[in-house]
Amino acid sequence: MANQETIINLDYPITDGHDNLIEKLTVRRAKVKDIRQMARKKDEGEQEIFLLHLLTGVLPEDLDKLDLCDYEKLGECIKQMKLGKRAKS
């Protein structure tokens, strides 16, 4: 069975609500149930953040702290999943 997770190293680490430093995110592969949950959100931006929350386990308010380049890395990871590929860490 193929690896179901991808590690994304953050160029700009963030701290969560408990002041824990987050230097990397583990992203699991999306399932249909995740897409169904995401679709319940009305706003497209909120959908993306909610999906990232589901796949990483990081709270949306903590994901809001991500630098744009790290957010783009996560977006590329999701894009690769849609293509059936494993994203590069």
PDB file of N, CA and C in Angstrom:
ATOM      1  N   MET A   1       0.850  -1.192   0.000  1.00  0.00           N
ATOM      2  CA  MET A   1       0.000   0.000   0.000  1.00  0.00           C
ATOM      3  C   MET A   1       0.888   1.245   0.000  1.00  0.00           C
ATOM      4  N   ALA A   2       0.558   2.198  -0.820  1.00  0.00           N
ATOM      5  CA  ALA A   2       1.341   3.428  -0.934  1.00  0.00           C
ATOM      6  C   ALA A   2       1.234   4.253   0.344  1.00  0.00           C
ATOM      7  N   ASN A   3       2.273   5.036   0.595  1.00  0.00           N
ATOM      8  CA  ASN A   3       2.274   5.930   1.755  1.00  0.00           C
ATOM      9  C   ASN A   3       1.071   6.862   1.668  1.00  0.00           C
ATOM     10  N   GLN A   4       0.331   6.953   2.730  1.00  0.00           N
ATOM     11  CA  GLN A   4      -0.888   7.741   2.753  1.00  0.00           C
ATOM     12  C   GLN A   4      -0.680   9.151   3.302  1.00  0.00           C
ATOM     13  N   GLU A   5       0.550   9.509   3.606  1.00  0.00           N
ATOM     14  CA  GLU A   5       0.838  10.825   4.172  1.00  0.00           C
ATOM     15  C   GLU A   5       2.028  11.472   3.470  1.00  0.00           C
ATOM     16  N   THR A   6       2.006  12.789   3.478  1.00  0.00           N
ATOM     17  CA  THR A   6       3.120  13.575   2.953  1.00  0.00           C
ATOM     18  C   THR A   6       3.524  14.570   4.030  1.00  0.00           C
ATOM     19  N   ILE A   7       4.820  14.723   4.229  1.00  0.00           N
ATOM     20  CA  ILE A   7       5.329  15.706   5.190  1.00  0.00           C
ATOM     21  C   ILE A   7       5.699  16.969   4.418  1.00  0.00           C
ATOM     22  N   ILE A   8       5.156  18.100   4.857  1.00  0.00           N
ATOM     23  CA  ILE A   8       5.480  19.396   4.271  1.00  0.00           C
ATOM     24  C   ILE A   8       6.291  20.186   5.301  1.00  0.00           C
ATOM     25  N   ASN A   9       7.539  20.462   4.969  1.00  0.00           N
ATOM     26  CA  ASN A   9       8.381  21.286   5.841  1.00  0.00           C
ATOM     27  C   ASN A   9       8.040  22.755   5.591  1.00  0.00           C
ATOM     28  N   LEU A  10       7.730  23.464   6.651  1.00  0.00           N
ATOM     29  CA  LEU A  10       7.372  24.880   6.532  1.00  0.00           C
ATOM     30  C   LEU A  10       8.621  25.749   6.438  1.00  0.00           C
ATOM     31  N   ASP A  11       8.647  26.636   5.472  1.00  0.00           N
ATOM     32  CA  ASP A  11       9.736  27.608   5.375  1.00  0.00           C
ATOM     33  C   ASP A  11       9.621  28.649   6.480  1.00  0.00           C
ATOM     34  N   TYR A  12       8.388  28.908   6.894  1.00  0.00           N
ATOM     35  CA  TYR A  12       8.108  29.892   7.944  1.00  0.00           C
ATOM     36  C   TYR A  12       7.230  29.226   9.004  1.00  0.00           C
ATOM     37  N   PRO A  13       7.866  28.576   9.991  1.00  0.00           N
ATOM     38  CA  PRO A  13       7.099  27.879  11.024  1.00  0.00           C
ATOM     39  C   PRO A  13       6.098  28.804  11.727  1.00  0.00           C
ATOM     40  N   ILE A  14       5.042  28.186  12.234  1.00  0.00           N
ATOM     41  CA  ILE A  14       3.996  28.916  12.950  1.00  0.00           C
ATOM     42  C   ILE A  14       3.867  28.352  14.361  1.00  0.00           C
ATOM     43  N   THR A  15       3.165  29.062  15.209  1.00  0.00           N
ATOM     44  CA  THR A  15       2.843  28.540  16.535  1.00  0.00           C
ATOM     45  C   THR A  15       1.343  28.316  16.601  1.00  0.00           C
ATOM     46  N   ASP A  16       0.970  27.253  17.288  1.00  0.00           N
ATOM     47  CA  ASP A  16      -0.455  26.981  17.446  1.00  0.00           C
ATOM     48  C   ASP A  16      -0.993  27.741  18.653  1.00  0.00           C
ATOM     49  N   GLY A  17      -2.243  27.522  18.969  1.00  0.00           N
ATOM     50  CA  GLY A  17      -2.898  28.219  20.075  1.00  0.00           C
ATOM     51  C   GLY A  17      -2.317  27.913  21.439  1.00  0.00           C
ATOM     52  N   HIS A  18      -1.492  26.874  21.527  1.00  0.00           N
ATOM     53  CA  HIS A  18      -0.848  26.505  22.788  1.00  0.00           C
ATOM     54  C   HIS A  18       0.625  26.869  22.791  1.00  0.00           C
ATOM     55  N   ASP A  19       1.019  27.738  21.857  1.00  0.00           N
ATOM     56  CA  ASP A  19       2.414  28.182  21.711  1.00  0.00           C
ATOM     57  C   ASP A  19       3.384  27.062  21.329  1.00  0.00           C
ATOM     58  N   ASN A  20       2.871  26.000  20.705  1.00  0.00           N
ATOM     59  CA  ASN A  20       3.737  24.942  20.186  1.00  0.00           C
ATOM     60  C   ASN A  20       4.206  25.355  18.797  1.00  0.00           C
ATOM     61  N   LEU A  21       5.491  25.219  18.554  1.00  0.00           N
ATOM     62  CA  LEU A  21       6.048  25.553  17.251  1.00  0.00           C
ATOM     63  C   LEU A  21       5.726  24.432  16.265  1.00  0.00           C
ATOM     64  N   ILE A  22       5.185  24.794  15.117  1.00  0.00           N
ATOM     65  CA  ILE A  22       4.880  23.840  14.053  1.00  0.00           C
ATOM     66  C   ILE A  22       5.841  24.122  12.912  1.00  0.00           C
ATOM     67  N   GLU A  23       6.763  23.185  12.687  1.00  0.00           N
ATOM     68  CA  GLU A  23       7.773  23.347  11.647  1.00  0.00           C
ATOM     69  C   GLU A  23       7.483  22.506  10.412  1.00  0.00           C
ATOM     70  N   LYS A  24       6.600  21.517  10.570  1.00  0.00           N
ATOM     71  CA  LYS A  24       6.204  20.681   9.444  1.00  0.00           C
ATOM     72  C   LYS A  24       4.775  20.216   9.652  1.00  0.00           C
ATOM     73  N   LEU A  25       4.116  19.931   8.547  1.00  0.00           N
ATOM     74  CA  LEU A  25       2.742  19.448   8.591  1.00  0.00           C
ATOM     75  C   LEU A  25       2.682  18.088   7.926  1.00  0.00           C
ATOM     76  N   THR A  26       1.958  17.188   8.543  1.00  0.00           N
ATOM     77  CA  THR A  26       1.705  15.878   7.961  1.00  0.00           C
ATOM     78  C   THR A  26       0.340  15.947   7.294  1.00  0.00           C
ATOM     79  N   VAL A  27       0.319  15.678   5.998  1.00  0.00           N
ATOM     80  CA  VAL A  27      -0.916  15.766   5.217  1.00  0.00           C
ATOM     81  C   VAL A  27      -1.309  14.359   4.783  1.00  0.00           C
ATOM     82  N   ARG A  28      -2.470  13.909   5.224  1.00  0.00           N
ATOM     83  CA  ARG A  28      -2.949  12.605   4.788  1.00  0.00           C
ATOM     84  C   ARG A  28      -3.715  12.764   3.475  1.00  0.00           C
ATOM     85  N   ARG A  29      -3.866  11.678   2.745  1.00  0.00           N
ATOM     86  CA  ARG A  29      -4.605  11.726   1.489  1.00  0.00           C
ATOM     87  C   ARG A  29      -6.082  11.981   1.771  1.00  0.00           C
ATOM     88  N   ALA A  30      -6.696  12.756   0.914  1.00  0.00           N
ATOM     89  CA  ALA A  30      -8.111  13.097   1.052  1.00  0.00           C
ATOM     90  C   ALA A  30      -8.986  11.916   0.653  1.00  0.00           C
ATOM     91  N   LYS A  31     -10.108  11.832   1.294  1.00  0.00           N
ATOM     92  CA  LYS A  31     -11.129  10.824   0.999  1.00  0.00           C
ATOM     93  C   LYS A  31     -12.405  11.546   0.565  1.00  0.00           C
ATOM     94  N   VAL A  32     -13.324  10.808  -0.004  1.00  0.00           N
ATOM     95  CA  VAL A  32     -14.593  11.397  -0.451  1.00  0.00           C
ATOM     96  C   VAL A  32     -15.315  12.063   0.716  1.00  0.00           C
ATOM     97  N   LYS A  33     -15.278  11.446   1.895  1.00  0.00           N
ATOM     98  CA  LYS A  33     -15.959  12.043   3.063  1.00  0.00           C
ATOM     99  C   LYS A  33     -15.403  13.435   3.380  1.00  0.00           C
ATOM    100  N   ASP A  34     -14.094  13.644   3.156  1.00  0.00           N
ATOM    101  CA  ASP A  34     -13.493  14.964   3.401  1.00  0.00           C
ATOM    102  C   ASP A  34     -14.058  15.989   2.421  1.00  0.00           C
ATOM    103  N   ILE A  35     -14.194  15.595   1.166  1.00  0.00           N
ATOM    104  CA  ILE A  35     -14.718  16.498   0.141  1.00  0.00           C
ATOM    105  C   ILE A  35     -16.171  16.836   0.441  1.00  0.00           C
ATOM    106  N   ARG A  36     -16.925  15.857   0.900  1.00  0.00           N
ATOM    107  CA  ARG A  36     -18.330  16.105   1.255  1.00  0.00           C
ATOM    108  C   ARG A  36     -18.441  17.097   2.413  1.00  0.00           C
ATOM    109  N   GLN A  37     -17.585  16.926   3.416  1.00  0.00           N
ATOM    110  CA  GLN A  37     -17.593  17.862   4.549  1.00  0.00           C
ATOM    111  C   GLN A  37     -17.175  19.253   4.101  1.00  0.00           C
ATOM    112  N   MET A  38     -16.151  19.326   3.266  1.00  0.00           N
ATOM    113  CA  MET A  38     -15.666  20.605   2.767  1.00  0.00           C
ATOM    114  C   MET A  38     -16.754  21.334   1.984  1.00  0.00           C
ATOM    115  N   ALA A  39     -17.512  20.593   1.198  1.00  0.00           N
ATOM    116  CA  ALA A  39     -18.537  21.186   0.334  1.00  0.00           C
ATOM    117  C   ALA A  39     -19.655  21.863   1.123  1.00  0.00           C
ATOM    118  N   ARG A  40     -19.782  21.541   2.385  1.00  0.00           N
ATOM    119  CA  ARG A  40     -20.818  22.175   3.219  1.00  0.00           C
ATOM    120  C   ARG A  40     -20.508  23.639   3.518  1.00  0.00           C
ATOM    121  N   LYS A  41     -19.229  23.999   3.369  1.00  0.00           N
ATOM    122  CA  LYS A  41     -18.839  25.397   3.571  1.00  0.00           C
ATOM    123  C   LYS A  41     -19.234  26.190   2.337  1.00  0.00           C
ATOM    124  N   LYS A  42     -19.793  27.373   2.527  1.00  0.00           N
ATOM    125  CA  LYS A  42     -20.287  28.172   1.397  1.00  0.00           C
ATOM    126  C   LYS A  42     -19.172  28.894   0.641  1.00  0.00           C
ATOM    127  N   ASP A  43     -18.222  29.440   1.344  1.00  0.00           N
ATOM    128  CA  ASP A  43     -17.156  30.239   0.749  1.00  0.00           C
ATOM    129  C   ASP A  43     -16.007  29.345   0.285  1.00  0.00           C
ATOM    130  N   GLU A  44     -15.509  29.570  -0.933  1.00  0.00           N
ATOM    131  CA  GLU A  44     -14.438  28.745  -1.493  1.00  0.00           C
ATOM    132  C   GLU A  44     -13.164  28.808  -0.652  1.00  0.00           C
ATOM    133  N   GLY A  45     -12.810  29.990  -0.162  1.00  0.00           N
ATOM    134  CA  GLY A  45     -11.636  30.131   0.689  1.00  0.00           C
ATOM    135  C   GLY A  45     -11.781  29.343   1.975  1.00  0.00           C
ATOM    136  N   GLU A  46     -12.960  29.384   2.547  1.00  0.00           N
ATOM    137  CA  GLU A  46     -13.223  28.618   3.772  1.00  0.00           C
ATOM    138  C   GLU A  46     -13.170  27.123   3.481  1.00  0.00           C
ATOM    139  N   GLN A  47     -13.606  26.718   2.289  1.00  0.00           N
ATOM    140  CA  GLN A  47     -13.547  25.309   1.918  1.00  0.00           C
ATOM    141  C   GLN A  47     -12.098  24.823   1.907  1.00  0.00           C
ATOM    142  N   GLU A  48     -11.212  25.607   1.301  1.00  0.00           N
ATOM    143  CA  GLU A  48      -9.807  25.211   1.218  1.00  0.00           C
ATOM    144  C   GLU A  48      -9.185  25.067   2.597  1.00  0.00           C
ATOM    145  N   ILE A  49      -9.415  26.050   3.450  1.00  0.00           N
ATOM    146  CA  ILE A  49      -8.856  26.004   4.807  1.00  0.00           C
ATOM    147  C   ILE A  49      -9.446  24.829   5.580  1.00  0.00           C
ATOM    148  N   PHE A  50     -10.746  24.596   5.424  1.00  0.00           N
ATOM    149  CA  PHE A  50     -11.390  23.493   6.137  1.00  0.00           C
ATOM    150  C   PHE A  50     -10.822  22.152   5.672  1.00  0.00           C
ATOM    151  N   LEU A  51     -10.595  22.002   4.356  1.00  0.00           N
ATOM    152  CA  LEU A  51     -10.016  20.758   3.854  1.00  0.00           C
ATOM    153  C   LEU A  51      -8.608  20.560   4.419  1.00  0.00           C
ATOM    154  N   LEU A  52      -7.815  21.619   4.435  1.00  0.00           N
ATOM    155  CA  LEU A  52      -6.472  21.519   5.015  1.00  0.00           C
ATOM    156  C   LEU A  52      -6.536  21.148   6.492  1.00  0.00           C
ATOM    157  N   HIS A  53      -7.512  21.692   7.192  1.00  0.00           N
ATOM    158  CA  HIS A  53      -7.728  21.346   8.599  1.00  0.00           C
ATOM    159  C   HIS A  53      -8.011  19.848   8.731  1.00  0.00           C
ATOM    160  N   LEU A  54      -8.905  19.332   7.883  1.00  0.00           N
ATOM    161  CA  LEU A  54      -9.233  17.906   7.942  1.00  0.00           C
ATOM    162  C   LEU A  54      -8.028  17.025   7.644  1.00  0.00           C
ATOM    163  N   LEU A  55      -7.206  17.439   6.695  1.00  0.00           N
ATOM    164  CA  LEU A  55      -6.096  16.603   6.247  1.00  0.00           C
ATOM    165  C   LEU A  55      -4.847  16.708   7.111  1.00  0.00           C
ATOM    166  N   THR A  56      -4.714  17.824   7.847  1.00  0.00           N
ATOM    167  CA  THR A  56      -3.525  18.017   8.690  1.00  0.00           C
ATOM    168  C   THR A  56      -3.822  17.899  10.182  1.00  0.00           C
ATOM    169  N   GLY A  57      -5.070  18.114  10.570  1.00  0.00           N
ATOM    170  CA  GLY A  57      -5.419  18.127  11.984  1.00  0.00           C
ATOM    171  C   GLY A  57      -5.108  19.444  12.664  1.00  0.00           C
ATOM    172  N   VAL A  58      -4.649  20.428  11.905  1.00  0.00           N
ATOM    173  CA  VAL A  58      -4.329  21.750  12.448  1.00  0.00           C
ATOM    174  C   VAL A  58      -5.584  22.616  12.389  1.00  0.00           C
ATOM    175  N   LEU A  59      -5.858  23.328  13.457  1.00  0.00           N
ATOM    176  CA  LEU A  59      -7.053  24.166  13.514  1.00  0.00           C
ATOM    177  C   LEU A  59      -7.018  25.279  12.464  1.00  0.00           C
ATOM    178  N   PRO A  60      -8.193  25.637  11.915  1.00  0.00           N
ATOM    179  CA  PRO A  60      -8.238  26.693  10.907  1.00  0.00           C
ATOM    180  C   PRO A  60      -7.592  28.001  11.363  1.00  0.00           C
ATOM    181  N   GLU A  61      -7.784  28.385  12.614  1.00  0.00           N
ATOM    182  CA  GLU A  61      -7.192  29.637  13.100  1.00  0.00           C
ATOM    183  C   GLU A  61      -5.668  29.571  13.139  1.00  0.00           C
ATOM    184  N   ASP A  62      -5.117  28.368  13.278  1.00  0.00           N
ATOM    185  CA  ASP A  62      -3.669  28.224  13.214  1.00  0.00           C
ATOM    186  C   ASP A  62      -3.199  28.204  11.762  1.00  0.00           C
ATOM    187  N   LEU A  63      -3.971  27.597  10.878  1.00  0.00           N
ATOM    188  CA  LEU A  63      -3.634  27.607   9.455  1.00  0.00           C
ATOM    189  C   LEU A  63      -3.632  29.028   8.900  1.00  0.00           C
ATOM    190  N   ASP A  64      -4.437  29.905   9.487  1.00  0.00           N
ATOM    191  CA  ASP A  64      -4.471  31.309   9.066  1.00  0.00           C
ATOM    192  C   ASP A  64      -3.110  31.989   9.221  1.00  0.00           C
ATOM    193  N   LYS A  65      -2.245  31.443  10.054  1.00  0.00           N
ATOM    194  CA  LYS A  65      -0.928  32.031  10.316  1.00  0.00           C
ATOM    195  C   LYS A  65       0.114  31.627   9.274  1.00  0.00           C
ATOM    196  N   LEU A  66      -0.237  30.700   8.383  1.00  0.00           N
ATOM    197  CA  LEU A  66       0.728  30.224   7.393  1.00  0.00           C
ATOM    198  C   LEU A  66       1.180  31.335   6.459  1.00  0.00           C
ATOM    199  N   ASP A  67       2.464  31.324   6.150  1.00  0.00           N
ATOM    200  CA  ASP A  67       3.004  32.202   5.128  1.00  0.00           C
ATOM    201  C   ASP A  67       2.469  31.733   3.777  1.00  0.00           C
ATOM    202  N   LEU A  68       2.351  32.651   2.851  1.00  0.00           N
ATOM    203  CA  LEU A  68       1.785  32.331   1.543  1.00  0.00           C
ATOM    204  C   LEU A  68       2.566  31.219   0.837  1.00  0.00           C
ATOM    205  N   CYS A  69       3.882  31.216   0.933  1.00  0.00           N
ATOM    206  CA  CYS A  69       4.662  30.172   0.235  1.00  0.00           C
ATOM    207  C   CYS A  69       4.369  28.789   0.828  1.00  0.00           C
ATOM    208  N   ASP A  70       4.168  28.709   2.136  1.00  0.00           N
ATOM    209  CA  ASP A  70       3.838  27.424   2.752  1.00  0.00           C
ATOM    210  C   ASP A  70       2.415  27.002   2.391  1.00  0.00           C
ATOM    211  N   TYR A  71       1.515  27.961   2.305  1.00  0.00           N
ATOM    212  CA  TYR A  71       0.140  27.681   1.882  1.00  0.00           C
ATOM    213  C   TYR A  71       0.140  27.143   0.451  1.00  0.00           C
ATOM    214  N   GLU A  72       0.979  27.708  -0.394  1.00  0.00           N
ATOM    215  CA  GLU A  72       1.093  27.244  -1.781  1.00  0.00           C
ATOM    216  C   GLU A  72       1.636  25.818  -1.835  1.00  0.00           C
ATOM    217  N   LYS A  73       2.579  25.479  -0.954  1.00  0.00           N
ATOM    218  CA  LYS A  73       3.089  24.107  -0.890  1.00  0.00           C
ATOM    219  C   LYS A  73       1.962  23.127  -0.575  1.00  0.00           C
ATOM    220  N   LEU A  74       1.108  23.512   0.365  1.00  0.00           N
ATOM    221  CA  LEU A  74      -0.019  22.653   0.719  1.00  0.00           C
ATOM    222  C   LEU A  74      -0.984  22.520  -0.456  1.00  0.00           C
ATOM    223  N   GLY A  75      -1.206  23.620  -1.155  1.00  0.00           N
ATOM    224  CA  GLY A  75      -2.068  23.588  -2.336  1.00  0.00           C
ATOM    225  C   GLY A  75      -1.530  22.656  -3.403  1.00  0.00           C
ATOM    226  N   GLU A  76      -0.220  22.679  -3.598  1.00  0.00           N
ATOM    227  CA  GLU A  76       0.420  21.791  -4.574  1.00  0.00           C
ATOM    228  C   GLU A  76       0.289  20.332  -4.136  1.00  0.00           C
ATOM    229  N   CYS A  77       0.379  20.097  -2.851  1.00  0.00           N
ATOM    230  CA  CYS A  77       0.213  18.749  -2.308  1.00  0.00           C
ATOM    231  C   CYS A  77      -1.188  18.224  -2.644  1.00  0.00           C
ATOM    232  N   ILE A  78      -2.207  19.046  -2.447  1.00  0.00           N
ATOM    233  CA  ILE A  78      -3.589  18.660  -2.748  1.00  0.00           C
ATOM    234  C   ILE A  78      -3.743  18.417  -4.250  1.00  0.00           C
ATOM    235  N   LYS A  79      -3.147  19.273  -5.041  1.00  0.00           N
ATOM    236  CA  LYS A  79      -3.213  19.135  -6.497  1.00  0.00           C
ATOM    237  C   LYS A  79      -2.626  17.791  -6.940  1.00  0.00           C
ATOM    238  N   GLN A  80      -1.493  17.418  -6.358  1.00  0.00           N
ATOM    239  CA  GLN A  80      -0.872  16.147  -6.694  1.00  0.00           C
ATOM    240  C   GLN A  80      -1.754  14.965  -6.284  1.00  0.00           C
ATOM    241  N   MET A  81      -2.450  15.100  -5.156  1.00  0.00           N
ATOM    242  CA  MET A  81      -3.375  14.045  -4.726  1.00  0.00           C
ATOM    243  C   MET A  81      -4.461  13.825  -5.776  1.00  0.00           C
ATOM    244  N   LYS A  82      -4.977  14.936  -6.308  1.00  0.00           N
ATOM    245  CA  LYS A  82      -6.036  14.837  -7.312  1.00  0.00           C
ATOM    246  C   LYS A  82      -5.544  14.105  -8.553  1.00  0.00           C
ATOM    247  N   LEU A  83      -4.251  14.199  -8.814  1.00  0.00           N
ATOM    248  CA  LEU A  83      -3.661  13.531  -9.968  1.00  0.00           C
ATOM    249  C   LEU A  83      -3.271  12.082  -9.649  1.00  0.00           C
ATOM    250  N   GLY A  84      -3.511  11.673  -8.401  1.00  0.00           N
ATOM    251  CA  GLY A  84      -3.168  10.321  -7.993  1.00  0.00           C
ATOM    252  C   GLY A  84      -1.723  10.138  -7.638  1.00  0.00           C
ATOM    253  N   LYS A  85      -1.021  11.243  -7.437  1.00  0.00           N
ATOM    254  CA  LYS A  85       0.404  11.178  -7.133  1.00  0.00           C
ATOM    255  C   LYS A  85       0.657  11.516  -5.673  1.00  0.00           C
ATOM    256  N   ARG A  86       1.826  11.167  -5.220  1.00  0.00           N
ATOM    257  CA  ARG A  86       2.282  11.554  -3.896  1.00  0.00           C
ATOM    258  C   ARG A  86       3.064  12.845  -4.046  1.00  0.00           C
ATOM    259  N   ALA A  87       2.716  13.834  -3.259  1.00  0.00           N
ATOM    260  CA  ALA A  87       3.401  15.120  -3.329  1.00  0.00           C
ATOM    261  C   ALA A  87       4.829  14.995  -2.843  1.00  0.00           C
ATOM    262  N   LYS A  88       5.699  15.821  -3.375  1.00  0.00           N
ATOM    263  CA  LYS A  88       7.081  15.878  -2.910  1.00  0.00           C
ATOM    264  C   LYS A  88       7.120  16.615  -1.590  1.00  0.00           C
ATOM    265  N   SER A  89       7.884  16.105  -0.654  1.00  0.00           N
ATOM    266  CA  SER A  89       7.997  16.745   0.663  1.00  0.00           C
ATOM    267  C   SER A  89       8.840  17.985   0.605  1.00  0.00           C
TER     268      SER A  89
END
